[in-house]
């Protein structure tokens, strides 16, 4: 059961990361190339990576609880 939660977390984290990166790149391509656009690109890439890590850690923590309590 714990491995299933880890797999779900990995899949969701990958989806969040890919979609967030695509939106950040598309927003950068559609904007004027100035300093703010580069900052928005960095912000979008960082935000999607951080969100993916949080989701992954959440599901790993749930799976560890299942293993610890043998549910």
Protein backbone atom coordinates (compact mmCIF):
# COMPACT_ATOMS: atom_id res chain seq x y z
CA UNK A 1 0.00 0.00 0.00
CA UNK A 2 2.86 2.38 0.80
CA UNK A 3 4.49 1.84 -2.58
CA UNK A 4 1.23 2.77 -4.29
CA UNK A 5 1.21 6.15 -2.53
CA UNK A 6 4.81 6.77 -3.56
CA UNK A 7 3.97 5.96 -7.17
CA UNK A 8 0.94 8.26 -7.13
CA UNK A 9 3.10 11.02 -5.62
CA UNK A 10 5.78 10.57 -8.27
CA UNK A 11 3.23 10.73 -11.08
CA UNK A 12 1.50 13.81 -9.67
CA UNK A 13 4.82 15.56 -9.01
CA UNK A 14 5.94 14.88 -12.58
CA UNK A 15 2.70 16.21 -14.01
CA UNK A 16 2.84 19.35 -11.86
CA UNK A 17 6.47 19.95 -12.81
CA UNK A 18 5.93 19.50 -16.55
CA UNK A 19 2.77 21.62 -16.70
CA UNK A 20 4.31 24.38 -14.55
CA UNK A 21 7.46 24.49 -16.69
CA UNK A 22 5.44 24.62 -19.91
CA UNK A 23 3.33 27.52 -18.63
CA UNK A 24 6.43 29.40 -17.46
CA UNK A 25 8.15 28.94 -20.82
CA UNK A 26 5.04 29.93 -22.78
CA UNK A 27 4.59 33.05 -20.67
CA UNK A 28 8.25 33.94 -21.26
CA UNK A 29 7.95 33.42 -25.02
CA UNK A 30 4.81 35.55 -25.30
CA UNK A 31 6.20 38.48 -23.28
CA UNK A 32 8.62 41.15 -24.27
CA UNK A 33 12.20 40.13 -23.59
CA UNK A 34 13.13 42.35 -20.70
CA UNK A 35 14.43 41.85 -17.18
CA UNK A 36 10.94 41.24 -15.78
CA UNK A 37 10.29 38.45 -18.28
CA UNK A 38 13.44 36.64 -17.18
CA UNK A 39 12.44 37.01 -13.54
CA UNK A 40 8.96 35.65 -14.31
CA UNK A 41 10.53 32.66 -16.06
CA UNK A 42 12.76 31.97 -13.06
CA UNK A 43 9.82 32.42 -10.71
CA UNK A 44 7.61 30.06 -12.71
CA UNK A 45 10.25 27.36 -12.93
CA UNK A 46 11.05 27.66 -9.23
CA UNK A 47 7.40 27.62 -8.20
CA UNK A 48 6.59 24.52 -10.24
CA UNK A 49 9.65 22.71 -8.87
CA UNK A 50 8.78 23.63 -5.29
CA UNK A 51 5.16 22.55 -5.75
CA UNK A 52 6.24 19.21 -7.19
CA UNK A 53 8.63 18.62 -4.28
CA UNK A 54 5.94 19.42 -1.71
CA UNK A 55 3.48 17.01 -3.35
CA UNK A 56 6.13 14.30 -3.55
CA UNK A 57 7.13 14.74 0.10
CA UNK A 58 3.48 14.63 1.18
CA UNK A 59 2.89 11.30 -0.53
CA UNK A 60 6.19 9.86 0.71
CA UNK A 61 5.21 10.85 4.26
CA UNK A 62 1.84 9.13 3.87
CA UNK A 63 3.51 5.98 2.56
CA UNK A 64 5.98 6.01 5.46
CA UNK A 65 3.04 6.21 7.88
CA UNK A 66 1.47 3.19 6.21
CA UNK A 67 4.74 1.27 6.53
CA UNK A 68 5.31 2.38 10.10
CA UNK A 69 1.84 1.36 11.30
CA UNK A 70 1.60 -1.56 8.82
CA UNK A 71 -1.81 -0.56 7.50
